[in-house]
Amino acid sequence: MDSLQLPPDCADAMDRMGEEYLASIYGIAAKRHPDNVAVLAELGHVYTRLGRYEEGLEVDQRLVAFAPEDPTVRYNLACSQSLLGQVDESLATLACALELGYDDVEFMRADDDLLNLRADPRFEELLRLYE
């Protein structure tokens, strides 16, 4: 049996609906369980995939309040700040993530969420310090 191929625009619309549904479910869960770090982390990721960067930033800031020593939480906050063009804040947060132990420098160089940092020479200087 041949598999059904959806036109790209239809597939994209269905993907978006699925992401919006996830955002709704995680948003409800986060309201009912505001200290559930796993739910907040997923909600932040969904917001980012949807391009809802300001909401993603708010979630990442809440996560940092719960887990200030977690390098991945700090890295995700740096990504949200970068996506919003907050270059200085993002670089400072990224430095903190590196100090806390985040060490995937090659991923940072390729991560599209940090695209706004790549034009700034401080970004490469920071990564060289931790290689």
N, C-alpha and C. Protein backbone atom coordinates (compact mmCIF):
# COMPACT_ATOMS: atom_id res chain seq x y z
N MET A 1 0.84 -1.17 0.00
CA MET A 1 0.00 0.00 0.00
C MET A 1 0.89 1.24 0.00
N ASP A 2 0.57 2.19 -0.86
CA ASP A 2 1.32 3.44 -0.93
C ASP A 2 0.97 4.33 0.26
N SER A 3 1.99 5.03 0.75
CA SER A 3 1.73 5.95 1.85
C SER A 3 1.17 7.26 1.29
N LEU A 4 0.35 7.88 2.07
CA LEU A 4 -0.29 9.13 1.68
C LEU A 4 0.71 10.27 1.85
N GLN A 5 0.92 11.04 0.83
CA GLN A 5 1.80 12.21 0.89
C GLN A 5 0.94 13.47 0.90
N LEU A 6 1.08 14.22 1.97
CA LEU A 6 0.35 15.49 2.06
C LEU A 6 1.14 16.57 1.35
N PRO A 7 0.45 17.51 0.75
CA PRO A 7 1.16 18.66 0.18
C PRO A 7 1.94 19.36 1.31
N PRO A 8 3.11 19.92 0.99
CA PRO A 8 3.93 20.54 2.04
C PRO A 8 3.21 21.58 2.88
N ASP A 9 2.39 22.42 2.26
CA ASP A 9 1.71 23.45 3.04
C ASP A 9 0.69 22.83 4.01
N CYS A 10 0.07 21.74 3.60
CA CYS A 10 -0.89 21.05 4.47
C CYS A 10 -0.14 20.37 5.63
N ALA A 11 0.96 19.73 5.32
CA ALA A 11 1.77 19.07 6.35
C ALA A 11 2.28 20.09 7.36
N ASP A 12 2.73 21.24 6.87
CA ASP A 12 3.21 22.30 7.76
C ASP A 12 2.10 22.81 8.67
N ALA A 13 0.91 22.98 8.10
CA ALA A 13 -0.23 23.45 8.88
C ALA A 13 -0.60 22.44 9.96
N MET A 14 -0.55 21.16 9.62
CA MET A 14 -0.86 20.12 10.60
C MET A 14 0.20 20.08 11.70
N ASP A 15 1.46 20.24 11.32
CA ASP A 15 2.53 20.28 12.32
C ASP A 15 2.31 21.45 13.27
N ARG A 16 1.97 22.59 12.72
CA ARG A 16 1.74 23.79 13.55
C ARG A 16 0.57 23.56 14.51
N MET A 17 -0.51 22.94 14.01
CA MET A 17 -1.65 22.66 14.88
C MET A 17 -1.24 21.73 16.02
N GLY A 18 -0.41 20.75 15.70
CA GLY A 18 0.06 19.84 16.74
C GLY A 18 0.89 20.56 17.78
N GLU A 19 1.77 21.45 17.34
CA GLU A 19 2.59 22.23 18.27
C GLU A 19 1.73 23.16 19.13
N GLU A 20 0.73 23.79 18.52
CA GLU A 20 -0.18 24.66 19.28
C GLU A 20 -0.95 23.85 20.32
N TYR A 21 -1.36 22.64 19.94
CA TYR A 21 -2.05 21.76 20.88
C TYR A 21 -1.14 21.43 22.06
N LEU A 22 0.11 21.08 21.77
CA LEU A 22 1.07 20.79 22.84
C LEU A 22 1.26 22.00 23.75
N ALA A 23 1.36 23.19 23.15
CA ALA A 23 1.52 24.40 23.95
C ALA A 23 0.32 24.58 24.89
N SER A 24 -0.87 24.29 24.40
CA SER A 24 -2.07 24.40 25.24
C SER A 24 -2.03 23.41 26.40
N ILE A 25 -1.70 22.17 26.09
CA ILE A 25 -1.66 21.12 27.12
C ILE A 25 -0.58 21.43 28.16
N TYR A 26 0.64 21.75 27.69
CA TYR A 26 1.71 22.07 28.63
C TYR A 26 1.41 23.34 29.41
N GLY A 27 0.75 24.30 28.76
CA GLY A 27 0.38 25.53 29.45
C GLY A 27 -0.59 25.27 30.59
N ILE A 28 -1.57 24.40 30.35
CA ILE A 28 -2.53 24.02 31.40
C ILE A 28 -1.79 23.29 32.52
N ALA A 29 -0.93 22.36 32.15
CA ALA A 29 -0.18 21.60 33.16
C ALA A 29 0.71 22.52 33.99
N ALA A 30 1.32 23.51 33.34
CA ALA A 30 2.21 24.44 34.05
C ALA A 30 1.41 25.31 35.03
N LYS A 31 0.17 25.63 34.70
CA LYS A 31 -0.66 26.41 35.62
C LYS A 31 -1.08 25.56 36.81
N ARG A 32 -1.39 24.30 36.55
CA ARG A 32 -1.81 23.41 37.64
C ARG A 32 -0.65 22.98 38.52
N HIS A 33 0.53 22.86 37.91
CA HIS A 33 1.73 22.41 38.62
C HIS A 33 2.88 23.37 38.30
N PRO A 34 2.84 24.57 38.86
CA PRO A 34 3.80 25.61 38.46
C PRO A 34 5.25 25.32 38.82
N ASP A 35 5.49 24.32 39.64
CA ASP A 35 6.87 23.98 39.99
C ASP A 35 7.36 22.70 39.31
N ASN A 36 6.62 22.22 38.32
CA ASN A 36 7.01 21.02 37.60
C ASN A 36 8.02 21.41 36.50
N VAL A 37 9.28 21.18 36.79
CA VAL A 37 10.36 21.60 35.90
C VAL A 37 10.28 20.91 34.54
N ALA A 38 9.92 19.64 34.51
CA ALA A 38 9.84 18.91 33.24
C ALA A 38 8.77 19.52 32.33
N VAL A 39 7.62 19.85 32.90
CA VAL A 39 6.54 20.47 32.12
C VAL A 39 6.99 21.83 31.60
N LEU A 40 7.60 22.62 32.47
CA LEU A 40 8.08 23.94 32.04
C LEU A 40 9.10 23.83 30.93
N ALA A 41 10.01 22.87 31.03
CA ALA A 41 11.04 22.70 30.00
C ALA A 41 10.40 22.38 28.66
N GLU A 42 9.43 21.47 28.66
CA GLU A 42 8.75 21.13 27.40
C GLU A 42 7.96 22.31 26.85
N LEU A 43 7.31 23.05 27.73
CA LEU A 43 6.56 24.23 27.31
C LEU A 43 7.49 25.25 26.66
N GLY A 44 8.65 25.46 27.25
CA GLY A 44 9.62 26.39 26.67
C GLY A 44 10.07 25.96 25.29
N HIS A 45 10.32 24.66 25.12
CA HIS A 45 10.74 24.15 23.80
C HIS A 45 9.64 24.33 22.76
N VAL A 46 8.41 24.06 23.15
CA VAL A 46 7.29 24.20 22.21
C VAL A 46 7.13 25.67 21.81
N TYR A 47 7.20 26.57 22.78
CA TYR A 47 7.09 27.99 22.45
C TYR A 47 8.18 28.41 21.46
N THR A 48 9.37 27.92 21.66
CA THR A 48 10.46 28.27 20.74
C THR A 48 10.18 27.74 19.35
N ARG A 49 9.76 26.49 19.25
CA ARG A 49 9.45 25.93 17.93
C ARG A 49 8.35 26.70 17.23
N LEU A 50 7.43 27.26 18.00
CA LEU A 50 6.33 28.04 17.43
C LEU A 50 6.72 29.48 17.12
N GLY A 51 7.91 29.89 17.53
CA GLY A 51 8.33 31.27 17.33
C GLY A 51 7.75 32.21 18.36
N ARG A 52 7.26 31.68 19.45
CA ARG A 52 6.69 32.48 20.55
C ARG A 52 7.80 32.74 21.56
N TYR A 53 8.79 33.52 21.10
CA TYR A 53 10.04 33.68 21.84
C TYR A 53 9.89 34.39 23.17
N GLU A 54 9.02 35.39 23.25
CA GLU A 54 8.85 36.10 24.51
C GLU A 54 8.27 35.17 25.58
N GLU A 55 7.31 34.33 25.18
CA GLU A 55 6.75 33.37 26.12
C GLU A 55 7.81 32.32 26.51
N GLY A 56 8.61 31.92 25.54
CA GLY A 56 9.69 30.98 25.83
C GLY A 56 10.70 31.57 26.81
N LEU A 57 11.00 32.85 26.64
CA LEU A 57 11.91 33.54 27.56
C LEU A 57 11.35 33.54 28.98
N GLU A 58 10.06 33.82 29.12
CA GLU A 58 9.44 33.83 30.45
C GLU A 58 9.55 32.45 31.10
N VAL A 59 9.33 31.40 30.33
CA VAL A 59 9.45 30.04 30.86
C VAL A 59 10.89 29.76 31.27
N ASP A 60 11.83 30.14 30.42
CA ASP A 60 13.24 29.90 30.74
C ASP A 60 13.67 30.66 32.00
N GLN A 61 13.16 31.85 32.18
CA GLN A 61 13.47 32.61 33.39
C GLN A 61 12.90 31.91 34.63
N ARG A 62 11.71 31.34 34.51
CA ARG A 62 11.14 30.57 35.62
C ARG A 62 11.99 29.35 35.91
N LEU A 63 12.46 28.69 34.87
CA LEU A 63 13.29 27.50 35.06
C LEU A 63 14.60 27.83 35.77
N VAL A 64 15.20 28.96 35.42
CA VAL A 64 16.43 29.38 36.09
C VAL A 64 16.17 29.63 37.57
N ALA A 65 15.00 30.15 37.89
CA ALA A 65 14.67 30.36 39.31
C ALA A 65 14.59 29.03 40.06
N PHE A 66 14.12 27.98 39.39
CA PHE A 66 14.03 26.65 40.01
C PHE A 66 15.37 25.93 40.03
N ALA A 67 16.16 26.13 39.00
CA ALA A 67 17.42 25.37 38.86
C ALA A 67 18.55 26.28 38.42
N PRO A 68 18.97 27.21 39.28
CA PRO A 68 19.98 28.20 38.88
C PRO A 68 21.35 27.61 38.56
N GLU A 69 21.65 26.43 39.03
CA GLU A 69 22.96 25.81 38.80
C GLU A 69 22.95 24.83 37.63
N ASP A 70 21.84 24.69 36.95
CA ASP A 70 21.73 23.74 35.83
C ASP A 70 22.27 24.39 34.56
N PRO A 71 23.35 23.85 33.99
CA PRO A 71 23.94 24.49 32.80
C PRO A 71 23.02 24.46 31.58
N THR A 72 22.21 23.42 31.44
CA THR A 72 21.31 23.34 30.28
C THR A 72 20.19 24.36 30.39
N VAL A 73 19.70 24.56 31.58
CA VAL A 73 18.66 25.58 31.79
C VAL A 73 19.22 26.96 31.44
N ARG A 74 20.45 27.23 31.86
CA ARG A 74 21.09 28.51 31.52
C ARG A 74 21.31 28.63 30.01
N TYR A 75 21.73 27.53 29.38
CA TYR A 75 21.94 27.55 27.93
C TYR A 75 20.63 27.88 27.21
N ASN A 76 19.54 27.25 27.63
CA ASN A 76 18.25 27.51 27.00
C ASN A 76 17.82 28.96 27.18
N LEU A 77 18.12 29.53 28.34
CA LEU A 77 17.82 30.95 28.56
C LEU A 77 18.64 31.81 27.61
N ALA A 78 19.91 31.48 27.43
CA ALA A 78 20.76 32.22 26.49
C ALA A 78 20.18 32.15 25.07
N CYS A 79 19.66 30.99 24.70
CA CYS A 79 19.04 30.84 23.38
C CYS A 79 17.83 31.74 23.24
N SER A 80 16.97 31.76 24.25
CA SER A 80 15.78 32.62 24.19
C SER A 80 16.17 34.09 24.09
N GLN A 81 17.16 34.48 24.86
CA GLN A 81 17.61 35.87 24.80
C GLN A 81 18.16 36.21 23.42
N SER A 82 18.93 35.29 22.85
CA SER A 82 19.47 35.52 21.51
C SER A 82 18.36 35.65 20.48
N LEU A 83 17.38 34.77 20.55
CA LEU A 83 16.27 34.82 19.59
C LEU A 83 15.53 36.14 19.64
N LEU A 84 15.56 36.80 20.79
CA LEU A 84 14.90 38.10 20.95
C LEU A 84 15.85 39.27 20.70
N GLY A 85 17.08 38.97 20.26
CA GLY A 85 18.03 40.02 19.94
C GLY A 85 18.70 40.63 21.16
N GLN A 86 18.60 39.99 22.30
CA GLN A 86 19.23 40.47 23.53
C GLN A 86 20.65 39.91 23.60
N VAL A 87 21.51 40.44 22.74
CA VAL A 87 22.85 39.88 22.56
C VAL A 87 23.69 39.96 23.82
N ASP A 88 23.75 41.12 24.46
CA ASP A 88 24.58 41.26 25.67
C ASP A 88 24.12 40.30 26.76
N GLU A 89 22.80 40.26 26.99
CA GLU A 89 22.26 39.37 28.02
C GLU A 89 22.54 37.91 27.67
N SER A 90 22.36 37.57 26.40
CA SER A 90 22.57 36.19 25.96
C SER A 90 24.02 35.77 26.14
N LEU A 91 24.95 36.63 25.79
CA LEU A 91 26.37 36.30 25.97
C LEU A 91 26.71 36.10 27.44
N ALA A 92 26.16 36.93 28.31
CA ALA A 92 26.41 36.78 29.75
C ALA A 92 25.82 35.47 30.27
N THR A 93 24.63 35.14 29.82
CA THR A 93 23.99 33.90 30.25
C THR A 93 24.72 32.69 29.69
N LEU A 94 25.18 32.79 28.46
CA LEU A 94 25.95 31.70 27.86
C LEU A 94 27.26 31.48 28.62
N ALA A 95 27.90 32.56 29.02
CA ALA A 95 29.12 32.44 29.83
C ALA A 95 28.82 31.72 31.13
N CYS A 96 27.69 32.03 31.73
CA CYS A 96 27.29 31.35 32.97
C CYS A 96 27.05 29.86 32.71
N ALA A 97 26.39 29.53 31.61
CA ALA A 97 26.15 28.12 31.27
C ALA A 97 27.47 27.37 31.11
N LEU A 98 28.42 28.00 30.47
CA LEU A 98 29.74 27.38 30.29
C LEU A 98 30.45 27.22 31.63
N GLU A 99 30.37 28.22 32.47
CA GLU A 99 30.99 28.13 33.80
C GLU A 99 30.37 27.01 34.63
N LEU A 100 29.08 26.78 34.43
CA LEU A 100 28.38 25.73 35.18
C LEU A 100 28.64 24.33 34.61
N GLY A 101 29.27 24.28 33.42
CA GLY A 101 29.61 22.97 32.88
C GLY A 101 29.05 22.62 31.52
N TYR A 102 28.28 23.52 30.91
CA TYR A 102 27.81 23.23 29.55
C TYR A 102 29.02 23.19 28.64
N ASP A 103 29.19 22.12 27.87
CA ASP A 103 30.47 21.97 27.16
C ASP A 103 30.36 21.57 25.69
N ASP A 104 29.19 21.63 25.09
CA ASP A 104 29.06 21.23 23.69
C ASP A 104 29.29 22.45 22.78
N VAL A 105 30.56 22.81 22.65
CA VAL A 105 30.94 24.01 21.91
C VAL A 105 30.56 23.89 20.43
N GLU A 106 30.74 22.73 19.85
CA GLU A 106 30.39 22.57 18.43
C GLU A 106 28.89 22.75 18.21
N PHE A 107 28.08 22.25 19.12
CA PHE A 107 26.64 22.45 19.01
C PHE A 107 26.30 23.93 19.09
N MET A 108 26.97 24.65 19.99
CA MET A 108 26.71 26.09 20.13
C MET A 108 27.03 26.83 18.84
N ARG A 109 28.09 26.41 18.17
CA ARG A 109 28.45 27.07 16.92
C ARG A 109 27.42 26.82 15.82
N ALA A 110 26.70 25.71 15.90
CA ALA A 110 25.73 25.35 14.86
C ALA A 110 24.28 25.67 15.24
N ASP A 111 24.03 25.96 16.50
CA ASP A 111 22.67 26.15 16.98
C ASP A 111 22.08 27.43 16.39
N ASP A 112 21.01 27.28 15.62
CA ASP A 112 20.36 28.44 15.00
C ASP A 112 19.80 29.42 16.03
N ASP A 113 19.51 28.94 17.22
CA ASP A 113 19.00 29.83 18.26
C ASP A 113 20.04 30.88 18.66
N LEU A 114 21.30 30.59 18.42
CA LEU A 114 22.37 31.53 18.76
C LEU A 114 22.87 32.32 17.55
N LEU A 115 22.13 32.29 16.49
CA LEU A 115 22.52 32.97 15.25
C LEU A 115 22.81 34.46 15.49
N ASN A 116 22.04 35.10 16.34
CA ASN A 116 22.25 36.53 16.61
C ASN A 116 23.57 36.81 17.30
N LEU A 117 24.17 35.80 17.90
CA LEU A 117 25.45 35.99 18.60
C LEU A 117 26.65 35.83 17.67
N ARG A 118 26.48 35.10 16.60
CA ARG A 118 27.62 34.74 15.76
C ARG A 118 28.33 35.93 15.13
N ALA A 119 27.63 37.01 14.90
CA ALA A 119 28.25 38.20 14.31
C ALA A 119 29.07 38.98 15.33
N ASP A 120 28.88 38.67 16.59
CA ASP A 120 29.58 39.39 17.66
C ASP A 120 30.88 38.65 17.97
N PRO A 121 32.03 39.33 17.89
CA PRO A 121 33.31 38.66 18.14
C PRO A 121 33.42 38.08 19.55
N ARG A 122 32.64 38.59 20.49
CA ARG A 122 32.68 38.07 21.86
C ARG A 122 32.20 36.62 21.92
N PHE A 123 31.33 36.24 21.00
CA PHE A 123 30.81 34.87 20.97
C PHE A 123 31.94 33.88 20.74
N GLU A 124 32.70 34.11 19.69
CA GLU A 124 33.81 33.19 19.38
C GLU A 124 34.88 33.23 20.46
N GLU A 125 35.15 34.40 21.00
CA GLU A 125 36.12 34.51 22.10
C GLU A 125 35.68 33.67 23.30
N LEU A 126 34.42 33.75 23.62
CA LEU A 126 33.86 33.00 24.74
C LEU A 126 33.99 31.49 24.50
N LEU A 127 33.66 31.05 23.31
CA LEU A 127 33.74 29.62 23.01
C LEU A 127 35.19 29.12 23.05
N ARG A 128 36.10 29.93 22.55
CA ARG A 128 37.52 29.53 22.57
C ARG A 128 38.02 29.33 24.01
N LEU A 129 37.52 30.11 24.93
CA LEU A 129 37.92 29.98 26.33
C LEU A 129 37.56 28.61 26.90
N TYR A 130 36.50 28.01 26.37
CA TYR A 130 35.99 26.76 26.95
C TYR A 130 36.26 25.53 26.09
N GLU A 131 37.01 25.68 25.04
CA GLU A 131 37.35 24.53 24.20
C GLU A 131 38.48 23.73 24.82
